[in-house]
């Protein structure tokens, strides 16, 4: 397999008895990349982790979206994907929803930010979401930022260790939507800025080694600089 850290579409990754994974195809006896990204082998399967991608909904995914349109019986929600999600009014009002009496506009207007889950999607119609469930619903405080969905796994880290490290070193609570939208909960503008700076580092350098060490270094350097300012 190529020793290059990044491959491009059309590049041969390997030949022989291997199974194709995400962002690869098999032609004759060769596995070929279909996107710019990082090759990865797991068992006898080869895939390419795309450096840039867009979000494709999956059932049960936690996402963060913004209400874009309001109808008498539903809300359409921008989930930062080629697909626009639908939030049925019955999900918010309950089974007793009556469009002649219940006003969706008074409940949620365009621009409302939501934390939701995908309940249905099959690529033939718009995904359906719900805001029923623990931790779901209207987001009323915090800061929103965005990371390319292909970098979500790196941001979270193995067993969530990267995300936990960032939260601990910045004293924040971070919710990562699978669609790349991230909620940062803190009252400190400085802490918010540090989180965004770290996320951008991960997005930019996700393909490099020792990412966790660099994240720790940048956060601790910021902390030392702030301490120095307060003591001078």
C-alpha atoms as a PDB file:
ATOM      1  CA  UNK A   1       0.000   0.000   0.000  1.00  0.00           C
ATOM      2  CA  UNK A   2       1.210   3.534  -0.716  1.00  0.00           C
ATOM      3  CA  UNK A   3       3.273   5.083   2.066  1.00  0.00           C
ATOM      4  CA  UNK A   4       1.964   8.566   1.251  1.00  0.00           C
ATOM      5  CA  UNK A   5      -0.113  10.124   4.059  1.00  0.00           C
ATOM      6  CA  UNK A   6      -2.650  11.499   1.547  1.00  0.00           C
ATOM      7  CA  UNK A   7      -3.992   9.880  -1.629  1.00  0.00           C
ATOM      8  CA  UNK A   8      -5.909  11.386  -4.551  1.00  0.00           C
ATOM      9  CA  UNK A   9      -8.789  10.070  -6.700  1.00  0.00           C
ATOM     10  CA  UNK A  10      -7.565   7.475  -9.205  1.00  0.00           C
ATOM     11  CA  UNK A  11      -4.531   6.506  -7.147  1.00  0.00           C
ATOM     12  CA  UNK A  12      -3.951   2.759  -6.754  1.00  0.00           C
ATOM     13  CA  UNK A  13      -3.854   1.884  -3.053  1.00  0.00           C
ATOM     14  CA  UNK A  14      -2.985  -1.783  -3.342  1.00  0.00           C
ATOM     15  CA  UNK A  15      -3.540  -4.921  -5.378  1.00  0.00           C
ATOM     16  CA  UNK A  16      -4.573  -8.422  -4.445  1.00  0.00           C
ATOM     17  CA  UNK A  17      -7.261  -9.897  -2.234  1.00  0.00           C
ATOM     18  CA  UNK A  18      -8.668  -6.895  -0.425  1.00  0.00           C
ATOM     19  CA  UNK A  19     -12.215  -5.670   0.103  1.00  0.00           C
ATOM     20  CA  UNK A  20     -13.258  -2.181  -0.907  1.00  0.00           C
ATOM     21  CA  UNK A  21     -14.249   0.211   1.883  1.00  0.00           C
ATOM     22  CA  UNK A  22     -15.513   3.761   1.989  1.00  0.00           C
ATOM     23  CA  UNK A  23     -14.327   6.010  -0.859  1.00  0.00           C
ATOM     24  CA  UNK A  24     -12.617   3.201  -2.805  1.00  0.00           C
ATOM     25  CA  UNK A  25     -13.441   1.041  -5.830  1.00  0.00           C
ATOM     26  CA  UNK A  26     -11.982  -2.169  -7.226  1.00  0.00           C
ATOM     27  CA  UNK A  27     -10.829  -2.244 -10.844  1.00  0.00           C
ATOM     28  CA  UNK A  28      -9.400  -5.530 -12.138  1.00  0.00           C
ATOM     29  CA  UNK A  29      -7.233  -6.526  -9.185  1.00  0.00           C
ATOM     30  CA  UNK A  30      -6.515  -3.037  -7.808  1.00  0.00           C
ATOM     31  CA  UNK A  31      -8.148  -0.964  -5.066  1.00  0.00           C
ATOM     32  CA  UNK A  32      -8.411   2.663  -6.202  1.00  0.00           C
ATOM     33  CA  UNK A  33      -9.154   5.836  -4.212  1.00  0.00           C
ATOM     34  CA  UNK A  34     -12.208   7.878  -5.242  1.00  0.00           C
ATOM     35  CA  UNK A  35     -11.607  10.872  -2.944  1.00  0.00           C
ATOM     36  CA  UNK A  36      -8.724  12.914  -1.581  1.00  0.00           C
ATOM     37  CA  UNK A  37      -8.005  11.503   1.840  1.00  0.00           C
ATOM     38  CA  UNK A  38      -6.059   9.226   4.149  1.00  0.00           C
ATOM     39  CA  UNK A  39      -5.867   5.501   3.326  1.00  0.00           C
ATOM     40  CA  UNK A  40      -6.643   3.105   6.153  1.00  0.00           C
ATOM     41  CA  UNK A  41      -6.538  -0.703   6.314  1.00  0.00           C
ATOM     42  CA  UNK A  42      -8.622  -2.669   8.781  1.00  0.00           C
ATOM     43  CA  UNK A  43      -8.329  -6.421   8.421  1.00  0.00           C
ATOM     44  CA  UNK A  44      -8.576  -7.043   4.699  1.00  0.00           C
ATOM     45  CA  UNK A  45     -10.691  -3.940   4.014  1.00  0.00           C
ATOM     46  CA  UNK A  46      -9.206  -0.727   2.663  1.00  0.00           C
ATOM     47  CA  UNK A  47     -10.939   2.642   2.857  1.00  0.00           C
ATOM     48  CA  UNK A  48     -10.071   6.302   2.403  1.00  0.00           C
ATOM     49  CA  UNK A  49     -10.993   8.810   5.090  1.00  0.00           C
ATOM     50  CA  UNK A  50     -12.043  11.844   3.056  1.00  0.00           C
ATOM     51  CA  UNK A  51     -10.326  15.123   3.905  1.00  0.00           C
ATOM     52  CA  UNK A  52     -13.370  17.036   2.719  1.00  0.00           C
ATOM     53  CA  UNK A  53     -16.893  15.677   2.597  1.00  0.00           C
ATOM     54  CA  UNK A  54     -20.507  16.629   3.187  1.00  0.00           C
ATOM     55  CA  UNK A  55     -22.899  15.167   5.701  1.00  0.00           C
ATOM     56  CA  UNK A  56     -25.129  12.268   4.663  1.00  0.00           C
ATOM     57  CA  UNK A  57     -27.795  11.612   7.337  1.00  0.00           C
ATOM     58  CA  UNK A  58     -27.948   8.303   9.171  1.00  0.00           C
ATOM     59  CA  UNK A  59     -30.760   7.125  11.426  1.00  0.00           C
ATOM     60  CA  UNK A  60     -30.038   7.861  15.125  1.00  0.00           C
ATOM     61  CA  UNK A  61     -27.386  10.507  14.290  1.00  0.00           C
ATOM     62  CA  UNK A  62     -27.264  13.437  16.708  1.00  0.00           C
ATOM     63  CA  UNK A  63     -27.311  16.644  14.692  1.00  0.00           C
ATOM     64  CA  UNK A  64     -27.524  20.385  15.277  1.00  0.00           C
ATOM     65  CA  UNK A  65     -29.620  22.339  12.788  1.00  0.00           C
ATOM     66  CA  UNK A  66     -31.319  25.661  12.171  1.00  0.00           C
ATOM     67  CA  UNK A  67     -35.002  26.114  11.332  1.00  0.00           C
ATOM     68  CA  UNK A  68     -35.145  27.545   7.806  1.00  0.00           C
ATOM     69  CA  UNK A  69     -38.873  27.458   6.991  1.00  0.00           C
ATOM     70  CA  UNK A  70     -42.098  27.188   8.981  1.00  0.00           C
ATOM     71  CA  UNK A  71     -45.236  25.470   7.667  1.00  0.00           C
ATOM     72  CA  UNK A  72     -48.610  24.836   9.279  1.00  0.00           C
ATOM     73  CA  UNK A  73     -47.734  21.195   9.997  1.00  0.00           C
ATOM     74  CA  UNK A  74     -43.926  21.063  10.109  1.00  0.00           C
ATOM     75  CA  UNK A  75     -40.609  22.896  10.180  1.00  0.00           C
ATOM     76  CA  UNK A  76     -37.883  22.514   7.579  1.00  0.00           C
ATOM     77  CA  UNK A  77     -34.440  22.456   9.165  1.00  0.00           C
ATOM     78  CA  UNK A  78     -31.053  23.209   7.651  1.00  0.00           C
ATOM     79  CA  UNK A  79     -28.768  20.384   8.799  1.00  0.00           C
ATOM     80  CA  UNK A  80     -25.760  21.529   6.723  1.00  0.00           C
ATOM     81  CA  UNK A  81     -26.202  18.736   4.216  1.00  0.00           C
ATOM     82  CA  UNK A  82     -27.434  18.401   0.627  1.00  0.00           C
ATOM     83  CA  UNK A  83     -30.661  17.280   2.307  1.00  0.00           C
ATOM     84  CA  UNK A  84     -33.043  19.507   4.288  1.00  0.00           C
ATOM     85  CA  UNK A  85     -34.606  17.844   7.314  1.00  0.00           C
ATOM     86  CA  UNK A  86     -38.275  17.813   8.277  1.00  0.00           C
ATOM     87  CA  UNK A  87     -39.476  18.202  11.858  1.00  0.00           C
ATOM     88  CA  UNK A  88     -43.172  17.207  11.996  1.00  0.00           C
ATOM     89  CA  UNK A  89     -45.396  19.405  14.155  1.00  0.00           C
ATOM     90  CA  UNK A  90     -46.775  16.308  15.870  1.00  0.00           C
ATOM     91  CA  UNK A  91     -43.270  15.674  17.240  1.00  0.00           C
ATOM     92  CA  UNK A  92     -43.430  18.992  19.100  1.00  0.00           C
ATOM     93  CA  UNK A  93     -47.138  19.344  19.943  1.00  0.00           C
ATOM     94  CA  UNK A  94     -47.853  15.662  20.495  1.00  0.00           C
ATOM     95  CA  UNK A  95     -50.525  13.451  18.991  1.00  0.00           C
ATOM     96  CA  UNK A  96     -53.211  15.993  19.777  1.00  0.00           C
ATOM     97  CA  UNK A  97     -51.724  18.437  17.280  1.00  0.00           C
ATOM     98  CA  UNK A  98     -54.510  20.348  15.528  1.00  0.00           C
ATOM     99  CA  UNK A  99     -53.356  22.631  12.660  1.00  0.00           C
ATOM    100  CA  UNK A 100     -56.496  24.733  13.091  1.00  0.00           C
ATOM    101  CA  UNK A 101     -55.616  25.556  16.695  1.00  0.00           C
ATOM    102  CA  UNK A 102     -51.870  25.012  17.147  1.00  0.00           C
ATOM    103  CA  UNK A 103     -49.576  27.677  15.679  1.00  0.00           C
ATOM    104  CA  UNK A 104     -46.181  26.348  14.559  1.00  0.00           C
ATOM    105  CA  UNK A 105     -44.825  29.874  14.032  1.00  0.00           C
ATOM    106  CA  UNK A 106     -45.430  30.771  17.669  1.00  0.00           C
ATOM    107  CA  UNK A 107     -43.659  27.601  18.764  1.00  0.00           C
ATOM    108  CA  UNK A 108     -40.485  28.006  16.675  1.00  0.00           C
ATOM    109  CA  UNK A 109     -39.598  30.648  14.112  1.00  0.00           C
ATOM    110  CA  UNK A 110     -36.955  30.578  11.368  1.00  0.00           C
ATOM    111  CA  UNK A 111     -33.485  30.859  12.883  1.00  0.00           C
ATOM    112  CA  UNK A 112     -34.231  28.648  15.881  1.00  0.00           C
ATOM    113  CA  UNK A 113     -31.274  26.357  16.608  1.00  0.00           C
ATOM    114  CA  UNK A 114     -32.115  22.758  17.462  1.00  0.00           C
ATOM    115  CA  UNK A 115     -30.401  19.693  18.820  1.00  0.00           C
ATOM    116  CA  UNK A 116     -32.122  16.689  17.245  1.00  0.00           C
ATOM    117  CA  UNK A 117     -31.781  13.106  16.038  1.00  0.00           C
ATOM    118  CA  UNK A 118     -32.413  11.590  12.624  1.00  0.00           C
ATOM    119  CA  UNK A 119     -35.377   9.201  12.804  1.00  0.00           C
ATOM    120  CA  UNK A 120     -35.827   8.366   9.124  1.00  0.00           C
ATOM    121  CA  UNK A 121     -33.780   8.638   5.936  1.00  0.00           C
ATOM    122  CA  UNK A 122     -33.502   6.544   2.777  1.00  0.00           C
ATOM    123  CA  UNK A 123     -32.118   9.030   0.172  1.00  0.00           C
ATOM    124  CA  UNK A 124     -35.457   9.066  -1.707  1.00  0.00           C
ATOM    125  CA  UNK A 125     -37.009  11.723   0.514  1.00  0.00           C
ATOM    126  CA  UNK A 126     -35.977  14.340   3.038  1.00  0.00           C
ATOM    127  CA  UNK A 127     -34.704  13.074   6.406  1.00  0.00           C
ATOM    128  CA  UNK A 128     -37.093  13.269   9.349  1.00  0.00           C
ATOM    129  CA  UNK A 129     -35.829  14.433  12.744  1.00  0.00           C
ATOM    130  CA  UNK A 130     -37.087  14.485  16.307  1.00  0.00           C
ATOM    131  CA  UNK A 131     -36.405  16.776  19.249  1.00  0.00           C
ATOM    132  CA  UNK A 132     -37.952  14.331  21.698  1.00  0.00           C
ATOM    133  CA  UNK A 133     -35.384  12.648  23.887  1.00  0.00           C
ATOM    134  CA  UNK A 134     -32.875  13.425  26.604  1.00  0.00           C
ATOM    135  CA  UNK A 135     -30.770  16.473  25.819  1.00  0.00           C
ATOM    136  CA  UNK A 136     -32.672  17.297  22.632  1.00  0.00           C
ATOM    137  CA  UNK A 137     -34.667  20.428  21.833  1.00  0.00           C
ATOM    138  CA  UNK A 138     -34.176  24.139  21.297  1.00  0.00           C
ATOM    139  CA  UNK A 139     -30.666  25.447  22.016  1.00  0.00           C
ATOM    140  CA  UNK A 140     -30.939  28.669  23.991  1.00  0.00           C
ATOM    141  CA  UNK A 141     -27.327  29.355  24.980  1.00  0.00           C
ATOM    142  CA  UNK A 142     -23.806  28.640  23.830  1.00  0.00           C
ATOM    143  CA  UNK A 143     -21.714  29.206  20.728  1.00  0.00           C
ATOM    144  CA  UNK A 144     -21.921  27.395  17.408  1.00  0.00           C
ATOM    145  CA  UNK A 145     -19.016  26.486  15.147  1.00  0.00           C
ATOM    146  CA  UNK A 146     -18.496  24.048  12.290  1.00  0.00           C
ATOM    147  CA  UNK A 147     -15.996  21.338  11.350  1.00  0.00           C
ATOM    148  CA  UNK A 148     -15.919  19.250   8.198  1.00  0.00           C
ATOM    149  CA  UNK A 149     -17.887  16.048   8.976  1.00  0.00           C
ATOM    150  CA  UNK A 150     -14.929  13.941   7.833  1.00  0.00           C
ATOM    151  CA  UNK A 151     -12.973  15.229  10.870  1.00  0.00           C
ATOM    152  CA  UNK A 152     -15.604  14.348  13.494  1.00  0.00           C
ATOM    153  CA  UNK A 153     -13.938  11.053  14.453  1.00  0.00           C
ATOM    154  CA  UNK A 154     -10.601  12.813  15.031  1.00  0.00           C
ATOM    155  CA  UNK A 155     -12.260  15.547  17.081  1.00  0.00           C
ATOM    156  CA  UNK A 156     -13.964  13.012  19.333  1.00  0.00           C
ATOM    157  CA  UNK A 157     -10.968  10.674  19.504  1.00  0.00           C
ATOM    158  CA  UNK A 158     -10.799   7.071  20.661  1.00  0.00           C
ATOM    159  CA  UNK A 159     -13.404   6.476  23.356  1.00  0.00           C
ATOM    160  CA  UNK A 160     -14.020  10.234  23.374  1.00  0.00           C
ATOM    161  CA  UNK A 161     -10.566  11.019  24.810  1.00  0.00           C
ATOM    162  CA  UNK A 162      -9.787  13.973  22.515  1.00  0.00           C
ATOM    163  CA  UNK A 163     -13.105  15.690  23.203  1.00  0.00           C
ATOM    164  CA  UNK A 164     -12.750  15.094  26.946  1.00  0.00           C
ATOM    165  CA  UNK A 165      -9.258  16.578  26.878  1.00  0.00           C
ATOM    166  CA  UNK A 166     -10.482  19.752  25.174  1.00  0.00           C
ATOM    167  CA  UNK A 167     -13.396  20.105  27.605  1.00  0.00           C
ATOM    168  CA  UNK A 168     -11.166  19.616  30.643  1.00  0.00           C
ATOM    169  CA  UNK A 169      -8.459  22.045  29.499  1.00  0.00           C
ATOM    170  CA  UNK A 170     -10.975  24.759  28.551  1.00  0.00           C
ATOM    171  CA  UNK A 171     -13.626  24.129  31.230  1.00  0.00           C
ATOM    172  CA  UNK A 172     -16.367  23.891  28.604  1.00  0.00           C
ATOM    173  CA  UNK A 173     -19.097  21.488  27.567  1.00  0.00           C
ATOM    174  CA  UNK A 174     -18.993  20.530  23.896  1.00  0.00           C
ATOM    175  CA  UNK A 175     -21.711  18.783  21.885  1.00  0.00           C
ATOM    176  CA  UNK A 176     -20.605  17.415  18.537  1.00  0.00           C
ATOM    177  CA  UNK A 177     -23.274  16.955  15.874  1.00  0.00           C
ATOM    178  CA  UNK A 178     -22.537  14.258  13.317  1.00  0.00           C
ATOM    179  CA  UNK A 179     -23.324  16.866  10.666  1.00  0.00           C
ATOM    180  CA  UNK A 180     -20.258  18.880  11.684  1.00  0.00           C
ATOM    181  CA  UNK A 181     -22.072  21.530  13.733  1.00  0.00           C
ATOM    182  CA  UNK A 182     -20.627  21.928  17.216  1.00  0.00           C
ATOM    183  CA  UNK A 183     -22.161  23.555  20.303  1.00  0.00           C
ATOM    184  CA  UNK A 184     -19.759  25.083  22.826  1.00  0.00           C
ATOM    185  CA  UNK A 185     -21.298  25.825  26.212  1.00  0.00           C
ATOM    186  CA  UNK A 186     -19.338  28.323  28.291  1.00  0.00           C
ATOM    187  CA  UNK A 187     -19.699  31.846  29.663  1.00  0.00           C
ATOM    188  CA  UNK A 188     -16.103  32.641  28.789  1.00  0.00           C
ATOM    189  CA  UNK A 189     -15.347  34.199  25.408  1.00  0.00           C
ATOM    190  CA  UNK A 190     -11.701  33.267  25.915  1.00  0.00           C
ATOM    191  CA  UNK A 191     -12.589  29.603  26.481  1.00  0.00           C
ATOM    192  CA  UNK A 192     -14.834  29.640  23.416  1.00  0.00           C
ATOM    193  CA  UNK A 193     -12.017  31.064  21.304  1.00  0.00           C
ATOM    194  CA  UNK A 194      -9.603  28.404  22.577  1.00  0.00           C
ATOM    195  CA  UNK A 195     -12.029  25.619  21.667  1.00  0.00           C
ATOM    196  CA  UNK A 196     -12.551  27.001  18.159  1.00  0.00           C
ATOM    197  CA  UNK A 197      -8.798  27.427  17.697  1.00  0.00           C
ATOM    198  CA  UNK A 198      -8.276  23.805  18.735  1.00  0.00           C
ATOM    199  CA  UNK A 199     -11.036  22.515  16.467  1.00  0.00           C
ATOM    200  CA  UNK A 200      -9.507  24.324  13.504  1.00  0.00           C
ATOM    201  CA  UNK A 201      -6.120  22.789  14.359  1.00  0.00           C
ATOM    202  CA  UNK A 202      -7.650  19.320  14.360  1.00  0.00           C
ATOM    203  CA  UNK A 203      -9.466  20.008  11.102  1.00  0.00           C
ATOM    204  CA  UNK A 204      -6.265  21.251   9.485  1.00  0.00           C
ATOM    205  CA  UNK A 205      -3.856  18.631  10.838  1.00  0.00           C
ATOM    206  CA  UNK A 206      -6.043  15.553  11.372  1.00  0.00           C
ATOM    207  CA  UNK A 207      -3.871  13.500   9.016  1.00  0.00           C
ATOM    208  CA  UNK A 208      -0.664  14.137  10.979  1.00  0.00           C
ATOM    209  CA  UNK A 209       0.688  12.024  13.835  1.00  0.00           C
ATOM    210  CA  UNK A 210       0.746  12.964  17.538  1.00  0.00           C
ATOM    211  CA  UNK A 211      -2.347  15.116  17.157  1.00  0.00           C
ATOM    212  CA  UNK A 212      -3.288  14.709  20.818  1.00  0.00           C
ATOM    213  CA  UNK A 213       0.095  16.020  21.960  1.00  0.00           C
ATOM    214  CA  UNK A 214      -0.216  19.105  19.768  1.00  0.00           C
ATOM    215  CA  UNK A 215      -3.714  19.799  21.062  1.00  0.00           C
ATOM    216  CA  UNK A 216      -2.510  19.565  24.670  1.00  0.00           C
ATOM    217  CA  UNK A 217       0.458  21.817  23.892  1.00  0.00           C
ATOM    218  CA  UNK A 218      -1.583  24.570  22.246  1.00  0.00           C
ATOM    219  CA  UNK A 219      -4.190  24.617  25.027  1.00  0.00           C
ATOM    220  CA  UNK A 220      -1.605  24.670  27.807  1.00  0.00           C
ATOM    221  CA  UNK A 221       0.385  27.395  26.040  1.00  0.00           C
ATOM    222  CA  UNK A 222      -2.753  29.528  25.839  1.00  0.00           C
ATOM    223  CA  UNK A 223      -3.417  28.885  29.531  1.00  0.00           C
ATOM    224  CA  UNK A 224       0.161  29.904  30.478  1.00  0.00           C
ATOM    225  CA  UNK A 225      -0.051  33.052  28.346  1.00  0.00           C
ATOM    226  CA  UNK A 226      -3.293  34.092  30.028  1.00  0.00           C
ATOM    227  CA  UNK A 227      -1.791  33.441  33.478  1.00  0.00           C
ATOM    228  CA  UNK A 228       1.246  35.522  32.567  1.00  0.00           C
ATOM    229  CA  UNK A 229      -0.982  38.429  31.481  1.00  0.00           C
ATOM    230  CA  UNK A 230      -2.890  38.407  34.757  1.00  0.00           C
ATOM    231  CA  UNK A 231       0.285  38.389  36.868  1.00  0.00           C
ATOM    232  CA  UNK A 232       1.987  41.244  34.967  1.00  0.00           C
END
